[in-house]
Amino acid sequence: MIKTNPCTTQSFSVAYNRMEPITREQLQNLKAETDRINRHNLVRSYVTQYYQQIKQFATSSNETRRVIDTRGHINDMCNDIVIELRTLFPGCLVEYRETRNMNNKVIESGIIVDWS
């Protein structure tokens, strides 16, 4: 039985050829960059979803205002989502609003798109 060295196999060679040097600084910033990319992709996903919901609502209703409930799941991304939606719906009012109780706890939050 002939044993092969895994370092000389075709798959290792292909994988090795795809590796690029990574500096110390790049390694230090890798997590932050990965988080930034993941957040950007998540924002784009929500924007796409909300865009489709608003467009569907506008084609099936005589109402000219849509409130998207954001309670608890996108509050840290709302500003970015609103900016993107304003780009996609020029001339419309697009804003994030919160309702708070007497203890200052958010009880309602939503993105409003008004095209009246």
PDB file of N, CA and C in Angstrom:
ATOM      1  N   MET A   1       0.834  -1.164   0.000  1.00  0.00           N
ATOM      2  CA  MET A   1       0.000   0.000   0.000  1.00  0.00           C
ATOM      3  C   MET A   1       0.894   1.248   0.000  1.00  0.00           C
ATOM      4  N   ILE A   2       0.612   2.142  -0.921  1.00  0.00           N
ATOM      5  CA  ILE A   2       1.392   3.368  -1.051  1.00  0.00           C
ATOM      6  C   ILE A   2       0.685   4.473  -0.283  1.00  0.00           C
ATOM      7  N   LYS A   3       1.414   5.101   0.602  1.00  0.00           N
ATOM      8  CA  LYS A   3       0.852   6.230   1.340  1.00  0.00           C
ATOM      9  C   LYS A   3       1.223   7.513   0.616  1.00  0.00           C
ATOM     10  N   THR A   4       0.236   8.411   0.532  1.00  0.00           N
ATOM     11  CA  THR A   4       0.517   9.703  -0.104  1.00  0.00           C
ATOM     12  C   THR A   4       0.607  10.774   0.960  1.00  0.00           C
ATOM     13  N   ASN A   5       1.426  11.703   0.706  1.00  0.00           N
ATOM     14  CA  ASN A   5       1.572  12.841   1.599  1.00  0.00           C
ATOM     15  C   ASN A   5       0.424  13.812   1.318  1.00  0.00           C
ATOM     16  N   PRO A   6      -0.402  14.157   2.326  1.00  0.00           N
ATOM     17  CA  PRO A   6      -1.532  15.052   2.078  1.00  0.00           C
ATOM     18  C   PRO A   6      -1.092  16.420   1.573  1.00  0.00           C
ATOM     19  N   CYS A   7       0.138  16.793   1.829  1.00  0.00           N
ATOM     20  CA  CYS A   7       0.627  18.088   1.368  1.00  0.00           C
ATOM     21  C   CYS A   7       0.857  18.115  -0.138  1.00  0.00           C
ATOM     22  N   THR A   8       0.904  16.963  -0.753  1.00  0.00           N
ATOM     23  CA  THR A   8       1.158  16.931  -2.187  1.00  0.00           C
ATOM     24  C   THR A   8      -0.089  16.589  -2.988  1.00  0.00           C
ATOM     25  N   THR A   9      -1.204  16.393  -2.328  1.00  0.00           N
ATOM     26  CA  THR A   9      -2.418  16.048  -3.067  1.00  0.00           C
ATOM     27  C   THR A   9      -2.935  17.262  -3.819  1.00  0.00           C
ATOM     28  N   GLN A  10      -3.736  16.994  -4.819  1.00  0.00           N
ATOM     29  CA  GLN A  10      -4.288  18.044  -5.671  1.00  0.00           C
ATOM     30  C   GLN A  10      -5.145  19.024  -4.877  1.00  0.00           C
ATOM     31  N   SER A  11      -6.009  18.518  -3.982  1.00  0.00           N
ATOM     32  CA  SER A  11      -6.914  19.411  -3.247  1.00  0.00           C
ATOM     33  C   SER A  11      -6.145  20.360  -2.334  1.00  0.00           C
ATOM     34  N   PHE A  12      -5.109  19.866  -1.686  1.00  0.00           N
ATOM     35  CA  PHE A  12      -4.311  20.741  -0.836  1.00  0.00           C
ATOM     36  C   PHE A  12      -3.620  21.812  -1.676  1.00  0.00           C
ATOM     37  N   SER A  13      -3.133  21.421  -2.790  1.00  0.00           N
ATOM     38  CA  SER A  13      -2.436  22.353  -3.663  1.00  0.00           C
ATOM     39  C   SER A  13      -3.368  23.467  -4.124  1.00  0.00           C
ATOM     40  N   VAL A  14      -4.584  23.120  -4.483  1.00  0.00           N
ATOM     41  CA  VAL A  14      -5.564  24.112  -4.931  1.00  0.00           C
ATOM     42  C   VAL A  14      -5.910  25.047  -3.780  1.00  0.00           C
ATOM     43  N   ALA A  15      -6.161  24.478  -2.592  1.00  0.00           N
ATOM     44  CA  ALA A  15      -6.494  25.296  -1.426  1.00  0.00           C
ATOM     45  C   ALA A  15      -5.339  26.218  -1.069  1.00  0.00           C
ATOM     46  N   TYR A  16      -4.131  25.716  -1.113  1.00  0.00           N
ATOM     47  CA  TYR A  16      -2.963  26.514  -0.760  1.00  0.00           C
ATOM     48  C   TYR A  16      -2.796  27.673  -1.732  1.00  0.00           C
ATOM     49  N   ASN A  17      -3.057  27.436  -2.993  1.00  0.00           N
ATOM     50  CA  ASN A  17      -2.915  28.489  -3.991  1.00  0.00           C
ATOM     51  C   ASN A  17      -3.923  29.616  -3.786  1.00  0.00           C
ATOM     52  N   ARG A  18      -5.048  29.347  -3.095  1.00  0.00           N
ATOM     53  CA  ARG A  18      -6.062  30.370  -2.846  1.00  0.00           C
ATOM     54  C   ARG A  18      -5.783  31.176  -1.585  1.00  0.00           C
ATOM     55  N   MET A  19      -4.827  30.765  -0.802  1.00  0.00           N
ATOM     56  CA  MET A  19      -4.511  31.488   0.428  1.00  0.00           C
ATOM     57  C   MET A  19      -3.711  32.735   0.105  1.00  0.00           C
ATOM     58  N   GLU A  20      -4.029  33.785   0.831  1.00  0.00           N
ATOM     59  CA  GLU A  20      -3.310  35.042   0.684  1.00  0.00           C
ATOM     60  C   GLU A  20      -2.749  35.436   2.036  1.00  0.00           C
ATOM     61  N   PRO A  21      -1.629  36.123   2.041  1.00  0.00           N
ATOM     62  CA  PRO A  21      -1.078  36.585   3.309  1.00  0.00           C
ATOM     63  C   PRO A  21      -2.052  37.536   4.013  1.00  0.00           C
ATOM     64  N   ILE A  22      -2.125  37.421   5.339  1.00  0.00           N
ATOM     65  CA  ILE A  22      -2.969  38.300   6.148  1.00  0.00           C
ATOM     66  C   ILE A  22      -2.070  38.942   7.199  1.00  0.00           C
ATOM     67  N   THR A  23      -2.069  40.243   7.202  1.00  0.00           N
ATOM     68  CA  THR A  23      -1.213  40.959   8.148  1.00  0.00           C
ATOM     69  C   THR A  23      -1.803  40.894   9.556  1.00  0.00           C
ATOM     70  N   ARG A  24      -1.010  41.248  10.514  1.00  0.00           N
ATOM     71  CA  ARG A  24      -1.434  41.296  11.914  1.00  0.00           C
ATOM     72  C   ARG A  24      -2.624  42.247  12.068  1.00  0.00           C
ATOM     73  N   GLU A  25      -2.517  43.410  11.440  1.00  0.00           N
ATOM     74  CA  GLU A  25      -3.594  44.403  11.514  1.00  0.00           C
ATOM     75  C   GLU A  25      -4.889  43.862  10.894  1.00  0.00           C
ATOM     76  N   GLN A  26      -4.779  43.170   9.774  1.00  0.00           N
ATOM     77  CA  GLN A  26      -5.959  42.583   9.140  1.00  0.00           C
ATOM     78  C   GLN A  26      -6.600  41.538  10.052  1.00  0.00           C
ATOM     79  N   LEU A  27      -5.783  40.718  10.687  1.00  0.00           N
ATOM     80  CA  LEU A  27      -6.321  39.725  11.616  1.00  0.00           C
ATOM     81  C   LEU A  27      -7.033  40.396  12.788  1.00  0.00           C
ATOM     82  N   GLN A  28      -6.467  41.480  13.268  1.00  0.00           N
ATOM     83  CA  GLN A  28      -7.073  42.193  14.387  1.00  0.00           C
ATOM     84  C   GLN A  28      -8.425  42.795  14.005  1.00  0.00           C
ATOM     85  N   ASN A  29      -8.585  43.175  12.754  1.00  0.00           N
ATOM     86  CA  ASN A  29      -9.823  43.807  12.285  1.00  0.00           C
ATOM     87  C   ASN A  29     -10.798  42.829  11.641  1.00  0.00           C
ATOM     88  N   LEU A  30     -10.416  41.569  11.546  1.00  0.00           N
ATOM     89  CA  LEU A  30     -11.231  40.585  10.827  1.00  0.00           C
ATOM     90  C   LEU A  30     -12.620  40.409  11.428  1.00  0.00           C
ATOM     91  N   LYS A  31     -12.725  40.317  12.739  1.00  0.00           N
ATOM     92  CA  LYS A  31     -14.026  40.139  13.394  1.00  0.00           C
ATOM     93  C   LYS A  31     -14.920  41.346  13.160  1.00  0.00           C
ATOM     94  N   ALA A  32     -14.372  42.545  13.342  1.00  0.00           N
ATOM     95  CA  ALA A  32     -15.157  43.762  13.140  1.00  0.00           C
ATOM     96  C   ALA A  32     -15.629  43.872  11.693  1.00  0.00           C
ATOM     97  N   GLU A  33     -14.766  43.534  10.761  1.00  0.00           N
ATOM     98  CA  GLU A  33     -15.140  43.587   9.342  1.00  0.00           C
ATOM     99  C   GLU A  33     -16.213  42.551   9.019  1.00  0.00           C
ATOM    100  N   THR A  34     -16.074  41.363   9.580  1.00  0.00           N
ATOM    101  CA  THR A  34     -17.088  40.322   9.383  1.00  0.00           C
ATOM    102  C   THR A  34     -18.423  40.761   9.967  1.00  0.00           C
ATOM    103  N   ASP A  35     -18.406  41.352  11.154  1.00  0.00           N
ATOM    104  CA  ASP A  35     -19.641  41.859  11.771  1.00  0.00           C
ATOM    105  C   ASP A  35     -20.275  42.947  10.914  1.00  0.00           C
ATOM    106  N   ARG A  36     -19.449  43.843  10.371  1.00  0.00           N
ATOM    107  CA  ARG A  36     -19.958  44.919   9.516  1.00  0.00           C
ATOM    108  C   ARG A  36     -20.631  44.359   8.268  1.00  0.00           C
ATOM    109  N   ILE A  37     -20.006  43.378   7.649  1.00  0.00           N
ATOM    110  CA  ILE A  37     -20.575  42.760   6.444  1.00  0.00           C
ATOM    111  C   ILE A  37     -21.871  42.035   6.783  1.00  0.00           C
ATOM    112  N   ASN A  38     -21.887  41.296   7.878  1.00  0.00           N
ATOM    113  CA  ASN A  38     -23.108  40.579   8.291  1.00  0.00           C
ATOM    114  C   ASN A  38     -24.245  41.553   8.587  1.00  0.00           C
ATOM    115  N   ARG A  39     -23.927  42.652   9.264  1.00  0.00           N
ATOM    116  CA  ARG A  39     -24.954  43.653   9.573  1.00  0.00           C
ATOM    117  C   ARG A  39     -25.489  44.274   8.290  1.00  0.00           C
ATOM    118  N   HIS A  40     -24.586  44.612   7.367  1.00  0.00           N
ATOM    119  CA  HIS A  40     -24.999  45.179   6.081  1.00  0.00           C
ATOM    120  C   HIS A  40     -25.937  44.217   5.342  1.00  0.00           C
ATOM    121  N   ASN A  41     -25.585  42.942   5.323  1.00  0.00           N
ATOM    122  CA  ASN A  41     -26.433  41.947   4.651  1.00  0.00           C
ATOM    123  C   ASN A  41     -27.788  41.812   5.328  1.00  0.00           C
ATOM    124  N   LEU A  42     -27.811  41.906   6.655  1.00  0.00           N
ATOM    125  CA  LEU A  42     -29.069  41.827   7.386  1.00  0.00           C
ATOM    126  C   LEU A  42     -29.947  43.050   7.104  1.00  0.00           C
ATOM    127  N   VAL A  43     -29.338  44.229   7.081  1.00  0.00           N
ATOM    128  CA  VAL A  43     -30.084  45.451   6.749  1.00  0.00           C
ATOM    129  C   VAL A  43     -30.679  45.324   5.349  1.00  0.00           C
ATOM    130  N   ARG A  44     -29.880  44.879   4.396  1.00  0.00           N
ATOM    131  CA  ARG A  44     -30.371  44.719   3.015  1.00  0.00           C
ATOM    132  C   ARG A  44     -31.517  43.714   2.947  1.00  0.00           C
ATOM    133  N   SER A  45     -31.442  42.670   3.758  1.00  0.00           N
ATOM    134  CA  SER A  45     -32.501  41.669   3.792  1.00  0.00           C
ATOM    135  C   SER A  45     -33.802  42.283   4.303  1.00  0.00           C
ATOM    136  N   TYR A  46     -33.724  43.051   5.395  1.00  0.00           N
ATOM    137  CA  TYR A  46     -34.921  43.717   5.918  1.00  0.00           C
ATOM    138  C   TYR A  46     -35.460  44.747   4.925  1.00  0.00           C
ATOM    139  N   VAL A  47     -34.583  45.516   4.304  1.00  0.00           N
ATOM    140  CA  VAL A  47     -35.012  46.518   3.329  1.00  0.00           C
ATOM    141  C   VAL A  47     -35.750  45.849   2.179  1.00  0.00           C
ATOM    142  N   THR A  48     -35.218  44.751   1.681  1.00  0.00           N
ATOM    143  CA  THR A  48     -35.871  44.017   0.595  1.00  0.00           C
ATOM    144  C   THR A  48     -37.244  43.518   1.023  1.00  0.00           C
ATOM    145  N   GLN A  49     -37.316  42.953   2.203  1.00  0.00           N
ATOM    146  CA  GLN A  49     -38.578  42.442   2.735  1.00  0.00           C
ATOM    147  C   GLN A  49     -39.600  43.572   2.894  1.00  0.00           C
ATOM    148  N   TYR A  50     -39.203  44.679   3.489  1.00  0.00           N
ATOM    149  CA  TYR A  50     -40.120  45.796   3.711  1.00  0.00           C
ATOM    150  C   TYR A  50     -40.530  46.448   2.404  1.00  0.00           C
ATOM    151  N   TYR A  51     -39.604  46.569   1.474  1.00  0.00           N
ATOM    152  CA  TYR A  51     -39.908  47.122   0.158  1.00  0.00           C
ATOM    153  C   TYR A  51     -41.024  46.308  -0.509  1.00  0.00           C
ATOM    154  N   GLN A  52     -40.886  44.997  -0.482  1.00  0.00           N
ATOM    155  CA  GLN A  52     -41.893  44.133  -1.095  1.00  0.00           C
ATOM    156  C   GLN A  52     -43.228  44.240  -0.377  1.00  0.00           C
ATOM    157  N   GLN A  53     -43.205  44.314   0.957  1.00  0.00           N
ATOM    158  CA  GLN A  53     -44.445  44.461   1.726  1.00  0.00           C
ATOM    159  C   GLN A  53     -45.157  45.770   1.390  1.00  0.00           C
ATOM    160  N   ILE A  54     -44.401  46.855   1.326  1.00  0.00           N
ATOM    161  CA  ILE A  54     -44.995  48.162   1.041  1.00  0.00           C
ATOM    162  C   ILE A  54     -45.549  48.202  -0.370  1.00  0.00           C
ATOM    163  N   LYS A  55     -44.809  47.691  -1.312  1.00  0.00           N
ATOM    164  CA  LYS A  55     -45.270  47.673  -2.707  1.00  0.00           C
ATOM    165  C   LYS A  55     -46.536  46.826  -2.843  1.00  0.00           C
ATOM    166  N   GLN A  56     -46.561  45.660  -2.197  1.00  0.00           N
ATOM    167  CA  GLN A  56     -47.744  44.804  -2.229  1.00  0.00           C
ATOM    168  C   GLN A  56     -48.932  45.510  -1.581  1.00  0.00           C
ATOM    169  N   PHE A  57     -48.701  46.168  -0.455  1.00  0.00           N
ATOM    170  CA  PHE A  57     -49.769  46.894   0.240  1.00  0.00           C
ATOM    171  C   PHE A  57     -50.319  48.005  -0.646  1.00  0.00           C
ATOM    172  N   ALA A  58     -49.440  48.748  -1.317  1.00  0.00           N
ATOM    173  CA  ALA A  58     -49.865  49.856  -2.174  1.00  0.00           C
ATOM    174  C   ALA A  58     -50.674  49.380  -3.375  1.00  0.00           C
ATOM    175  N   THR A  59     -50.417  48.166  -3.845  1.00  0.00           N
ATOM    176  CA  THR A  59     -51.157  47.648  -4.994  1.00  0.00           C
ATOM    177  C   THR A  59     -52.495  47.025  -4.603  1.00  0.00           C
ATOM    178  N   SER A  60     -52.677  46.745  -3.313  1.00  0.00           N
ATOM    179  CA  SER A  60     -53.898  46.045  -2.901  1.00  0.00           C
ATOM    180  C   SER A  60     -54.783  46.855  -1.956  1.00  0.00           C
ATOM    181  N   SER A  61     -54.401  48.104  -1.674  1.00  0.00           N
ATOM    182  CA  SER A  61     -55.155  48.903  -0.711  1.00  0.00           C
ATOM    183  C   SER A  61     -55.254  50.343  -1.181  1.00  0.00           C
ATOM    184  N   ASN A  62     -56.333  51.002  -0.779  1.00  0.00           N
ATOM    185  CA  ASN A  62     -56.482  52.429  -1.072  1.00  0.00           C
ATOM    186  C   ASN A  62     -55.788  53.294  -0.032  1.00  0.00           C
ATOM    187  N   GLU A  63     -55.332  52.691   1.042  1.00  0.00           N
ATOM    188  CA  GLU A  63     -54.616  53.439   2.062  1.00  0.00           C
ATOM    189  C   GLU A  63     -53.267  53.895   1.511  1.00  0.00           C
ATOM    190  N   THR A  64     -52.786  54.999   2.030  1.00  0.00           N
ATOM    191  CA  THR A  64     -51.524  55.559   1.534  1.00  0.00           C
ATOM    192  C   THR A  64     -50.469  55.642   2.636  1.00  0.00           C
ATOM    193  N   ARG A  65     -50.587  54.759   3.598  1.00  0.00           N
ATOM    194  CA  ARG A  65     -49.643  54.748   4.710  1.00  0.00           C
ATOM    195  C   ARG A  65     -49.482  53.322   5.205  1.00  0.00           C
ATOM    196  N   ARG A  66     -48.257  52.953   5.459  1.00  0.00           N
ATOM    197  CA  ARG A  66     -47.979  51.607   5.962  1.00  0.00           C
ATOM    198  C   ARG A  66     -47.057  51.726   7.169  1.00  0.00           C
ATOM    199  N   VAL A  67     -47.408  51.029   8.242  1.00  0.00           N
ATOM    200  CA  VAL A  67     -46.575  50.985   9.439  1.00  0.00           C
ATOM    201  C   VAL A  67     -46.028  49.562   9.562  1.00  0.00           C
ATOM    202  N   ILE A  68     -44.743  49.463   9.645  1.00  0.00           N
ATOM    203  CA  ILE A  68     -44.079  48.171   9.786  1.00  0.00           C
ATOM    204  C   ILE A  68     -43.667  48.021  11.244  1.00  0.00           C
ATOM    205  N   ASP A  69     -44.210  47.033  11.906  1.00  0.00           N
ATOM    206  CA  ASP A  69     -43.904  46.788  13.312  1.00  0.00           C
ATOM    207  C   ASP A  69     -42.467  46.276  13.430  1.00  0.00           C
ATOM    208  N   THR A  70     -41.673  46.985  14.194  1.00  0.00           N
ATOM    209  CA  THR A  70     -40.266  46.597  14.368  1.00  0.00           C
ATOM    210  C   THR A  70     -39.961  46.236  15.806  1.00  0.00           C
ATOM    211  N   ARG A  71     -40.962  46.073  16.588  1.00  0.00           N
ATOM    212  CA  ARG A  71     -40.793  45.869  18.026  1.00  0.00           C
ATOM    213  C   ARG A  71     -39.792  44.769  18.338  1.00  0.00           C
ATOM    214  N   GLY A  72     -38.672  45.176  18.902  1.00  0.00           N
ATOM    215  CA  GLY A  72     -37.731  44.241  19.474  1.00  0.00           C
ATOM    216  C   GLY A  72     -36.769  43.534  18.549  1.00  0.00           C
ATOM    217  N   HIS A  73     -36.890  43.642  17.250  1.00  0.00           N
ATOM    218  CA  HIS A  73     -35.981  42.824  16.449  1.00  0.00           C
ATOM    219  C   HIS A  73     -35.028  43.587  15.541  1.00  0.00           C
ATOM    220  N   ILE A  74     -35.234  44.873  15.329  1.00  0.00           N
ATOM    221  CA  ILE A  74     -34.293  45.589  14.454  1.00  0.00           C
ATOM    222  C   ILE A  74     -33.957  46.983  14.962  1.00  0.00           C
ATOM    223  N   ASN A  75     -34.239  47.272  16.203  1.00  0.00           N
ATOM    224  CA  ASN A  75     -34.078  48.631  16.710  1.00  0.00           C
ATOM    225  C   ASN A  75     -32.688  49.201  16.482  1.00  0.00           C
ATOM    226  N   ASP A  76     -31.653  48.384  16.581  1.00  0.00           N
ATOM    227  CA  ASP A  76     -30.298  48.896  16.387  1.00  0.00           C
ATOM    228  C   ASP A  76     -29.961  49.134  14.915  1.00  0.00           C
ATOM    229  N   MET A  77     -30.827  48.709  14.008  1.00  0.00           N
ATOM    230  CA  MET A  77     -30.595  48.889  12.578  1.00  0.00           C
ATOM    231  C   MET A  77     -31.584  49.841  11.929  1.00  0.00           C
ATOM    232  N   CYS A  78     -32.529  50.363  12.702  1.00  0.00           N
ATOM    233  CA  CYS A  78     -33.614  51.159  12.126  1.00  0.00           C
ATOM    234  C   CYS A  78     -33.131  52.356  11.319  1.00  0.00           C
ATOM    235  N   ASN A  79     -32.142  53.069  11.821  1.00  0.00           N
ATOM    236  CA  ASN A  79     -31.653  54.237  11.080  1.00  0.00           C
ATOM    237  C   ASN A  79     -31.141  53.845   9.702  1.00  0.00           C
ATOM    238  N   ASP A  80     -30.380  52.769   9.632  1.00  0.00           N
ATOM    239  CA  ASP A  80     -29.863  52.316   8.337  1.00  0.00           C
ATOM    240  C   ASP A  80     -30.992  51.868   7.417  1.00  0.00           C
ATOM    241  N   ILE A  81     -31.977  51.185   7.976  1.00  0.00           N
ATOM    242  CA  ILE A  81     -33.112  50.713   7.174  1.00  0.00           C
ATOM    243  C   ILE A  81     -33.912  51.899   6.651  1.00  0.00           C
ATOM    244  N   VAL A  82     -34.159  52.890   7.503  1.00  0.00           N
ATOM    245  CA  VAL A  82     -34.899  54.086   7.091  1.00  0.00           C
ATOM    246  C   VAL A  82     -34.164  54.813   5.969  1.00  0.00           C
ATOM    247  N   ILE A  83     -32.856  54.952   6.089  1.00  0.00           N
ATOM    248  CA  ILE A  83     -32.072  55.613   5.038  1.00  0.00           C
ATOM    249  C   ILE A  83     -32.240  54.886   3.705  1.00  0.00           C
ATOM    250  N   GLU A  84     -32.150  53.568   3.728  1.00  0.00           N
ATOM    251  CA  GLU A  84     -32.305  52.786   2.492  1.00  0.00           C
ATOM    252  C   GLU A  84     -33.721  52.916   1.921  1.00  0.00           C
ATOM    253  N   LEU A  85     -34.729  52.865   2.797  1.00  0.00           N
ATOM    254  CA  LEU A  85     -36.120  52.980   2.328  1.00  0.00           C
ATOM    255  C   LEU A  85     -36.404  54.367   1.750  1.00  0.00           C
ATOM    256  N   ARG A  86     -35.792  55.401   2.330  1.00  0.00           N
ATOM    257  CA  ARG A  86     -35.963  56.752   1.770  1.00  0.00           C
ATOM    258  C   ARG A  86     -35.413  56.822   0.354  1.00  0.00           C
ATOM    259  N   THR A  87     -34.339  56.100   0.107  1.00  0.00           N
ATOM    260  CA  THR A  87     -33.761  56.046  -1.237  1.00  0.00           C
ATOM    261  C   THR A  87     -34.705  55.330  -2.200  1.00  0.00           C
ATOM    262  N   LEU A  88     -35.353  54.275  -1.714  1.00  0.00           N
ATOM    263  CA  LEU A  88     -36.241  53.476  -2.566  1.00  0.00           C
ATOM    264  C   LEU A  88     -37.621  54.091  -2.749  1.00  0.00           C
ATOM    265  N   PHE A  89     -38.023  54.975  -1.827  1.00  0.00           N
ATOM    266  CA  PHE A  89     -39.332  55.623  -1.916  1.00  0.00           C
ATOM    267  C   PHE A  89     -39.160  57.145  -1.853  1.00  0.00           C
ATOM    268  N   PRO A  90     -38.549  57.742  -2.888  1.00  0.00           N
ATOM    269  CA  PRO A  90     -38.324  59.192  -2.871  1.00  0.00           C
ATOM    270  C   PRO A  90     -39.654  59.945  -2.866  1.00  0.00           C
ATOM    271  N   GLY A  91     -39.693  61.041  -2.136  1.00  0.00           N
ATOM    272  CA  GLY A  91     -40.905  61.848  -2.060  1.00  0.00           C
ATOM    273  C   GLY A  91     -41.888  61.373  -1.005  1.00  0.00           C
ATOM    274  N   CYS A  92     -41.611  60.228  -0.393  1.00  0.00           N
ATOM    275  CA  CYS A  92     -42.481  59.685   0.652  1.00  0.00           C
ATOM    276  C   CYS A  92     -41.900  60.013   2.024  1.00  0.00           C
ATOM    277  N   LEU A  93     -42.778  60.092   3.000  1.00  0.00           N
ATOM    278  CA  LEU A  93     -42.326  60.223   4.375  1.00  0.00           C
ATOM    279  C   LEU A  93     -41.928  58.835   4.850  1.00  0.00           C
ATOM    280  N   VAL A  94     -40.691  58.676   5.283  1.00  0.00           N
ATOM    281  CA  VAL A  94     -40.207  57.410   5.829  1.00  0.00           C
ATOM    282  C   VAL A  94     -39.504  57.755   7.131  1.00  0.00           C
ATOM    283  N   GLU A  95     -40.029  57.230   8.246  1.00  0.00           N
ATOM    284  CA  GLU A  95     -39.411  57.528   9.528  1.00  0.00           C
ATOM    285  C   GLU A  95     -39.651  56.410  10.525  1.00  0.00           C
ATOM    286  N   TYR A  96     -38.806  56.400  11.523  1.00  0.00           N
ATOM    287  CA  TYR A  96     -38.898  55.438  12.619  1.00  0.00           C
ATOM    288  C   TYR A  96     -39.521  56.148  13.810  1.00  0.00           C
ATOM    289  N   ARG A  97     -40.490  55.482  14.447  1.00  0.00           N
ATOM    290  CA  ARG A  97     -41.142  56.066  15.628  1.00  0.00           C
ATOM    291  C   ARG A  97     -41.239  55.041  16.734  1.00  0.00           C
ATOM    292  N   GLU A  98     -41.169  55.561  17.960  1.00  0.00           N
ATOM    293  CA  GLU A  98     -41.311  54.724  19.152  1.00  0.00           C
ATOM    294  C   GLU A  98     -42.372  55.324  20.065  1.00  0.00           C
ATOM    295  N   THR A  99     -43.071  54.455  20.763  1.00  0.00           N
ATOM    296  CA  THR A  99     -43.965  54.868  21.835  1.00  0.00           C
ATOM    297  C   THR A  99     -43.402  54.265  23.106  1.00  0.00           C
ATOM    298  N   ARG A 100     -43.253  55.110  24.127  1.00  0.00           N
ATOM    299  CA  ARG A 100     -42.677  54.658  25.397  1.00  0.00           C
ATOM    300  C   ARG A 100     -43.688  54.807  26.516  1.00  0.00           C
ATOM    301  N   ASN A 101     -43.566  53.947  27.520  1.00  0.00           N
ATOM    302  CA  ASN A 101     -44.438  54.049  28.687  1.00  0.00           C
ATOM    303  C   ASN A 101     -43.835  55.029  29.689  1.00  0.00           C
ATOM    304  N   MET A 102     -44.456  55.155  30.845  1.00  0.00           N
ATOM    305  CA  MET A 102     -44.001  56.121  31.850  1.00  0.00           C
ATOM    306  C   MET A 102     -42.618  55.781  32.398  1.00  0.00           C
ATOM    307  N   ASN A 103     -42.207  54.528  32.284  1.00  0.00           N
ATOM    308  CA  ASN A 103     -40.878  54.100  32.731  1.00  0.00           C
ATOM    309  C   ASN A 103     -39.834  54.216  31.628  1.00  0.00           C
ATOM    310  N   ASN A 104     -40.220  54.847  30.529  1.00  0.00           N
ATOM    311  CA  ASN A 104     -39.353  55.060  29.370  1.00  0.00           C
ATOM    312  C   ASN A 104     -39.015  53.770  28.624  1.00  0.00           C
ATOM    313  N   LYS A 105     -39.782  52.733  28.834  1.00  0.00           N
ATOM    314  CA  LYS A 105     -39.581  51.479  28.106  1.00  0.00           C
ATOM    315  C   LYS A 105     -40.365  51.543  26.791  1.00  0.00           C
ATOM    316  N   VAL A 106     -39.722  51.119  25.707  1.00  0.00           N
ATOM    317  CA  VAL A 106     -40.382  51.120  24.400  1.00  0.00           C
ATOM    318  C   VAL A 106     -41.478  50.056  24.407  1.00  0.00           C
ATOM    319  N   ILE A 107     -42.706  50.475  24.122  1.00  0.00           N
ATOM    320  CA  ILE A 107     -43.813  49.523  24.057  1.00  0.00           C
ATOM    321  C   ILE A 107     -44.274  49.295  22.628  1.00  0.00           C
ATOM    322  N   GLU A 108     -43.970  50.233  21.749  1.00  0.00           N
ATOM    323  CA  GLU A 108     -44.250  50.076  20.325  1.00  0.00           C
ATOM    324  C   GLU A 108     -43.130  50.734  19.540  1.00  0.00           C
ATOM    325  N   SER A 109     -42.783  50.140  18.419  1.00  0.00           N
ATOM    326  CA  SER A 109     -41.830  50.774  17.514  1.00  0.00           C
ATOM    327  C   SER A 109     -42.168  50.347  16.099  1.00  0.00           C
ATOM    328  N   GLY A 110     -41.937  51.263  15.176  1.00  0.00           N
ATOM    329  CA  GLY A 110     -42.250  50.926  13.806  1.00  0.00           C
ATOM    330  C   GLY A 110     -41.653  51.915  12.814  1.00  0.00           C
ATOM    331  N   ILE A 111     -41.573  51.456  11.591  1.00  0.00           N
ATOM    332  CA  ILE A 111     -41.151  52.301  10.485  1.00  0.00           C
ATOM    333  C   ILE A 111     -42.410  52.668   9.723  1.00  0.00           C
ATOM    334  N   ILE A 112     -42.611  53.964   9.533  1.00  0.00           N
ATOM    335  CA  ILE A 112     -43.790  54.463   8.834  1.00  0.00           C
ATOM    336  C   ILE A 112     -43.377  54.907   7.434  1.00  0.00           C
ATOM    337  N   VAL A 113     -44.141  54.470   6.444  1.00  0.00           N
ATOM    338  CA  VAL A 113     -43.959  54.930   5.080  1.00  0.00           C
ATOM    339  C   VAL A 113     -45.291  55.516   4.660  1.00  0.00           C
ATOM    340  N   ASP A 114     -45.287  56.817   4.331  1.00  0.00           N
ATOM    341  CA  ASP A 114     -46.511  57.528   3.964  1.00  0.00           C
ATOM    342  C   ASP A 114     -46.315  58.156   2.586  1.00  0.00           C
ATOM    343  N   TRP A 115     -47.173  57.779   1.640  1.00  0.00           N
ATOM    344  CA  TRP A 115     -47.062  58.297   0.275  1.00  0.00           C
ATOM    345  C   TRP A 115     -48.287  59.121  -0.103  1.00  0.00           C
ATOM    346  N   SER A 116     -48.988  59.657   0.899  1.00  0.00           N
ATOM    347  CA  SER A 116     -50.181  60.480   0.605  1.00  0.00           C
ATOM    348  C   SER A 116     -49.798  61.863   0.117  1.00  0.00           C
TER     349      SER A 116
END
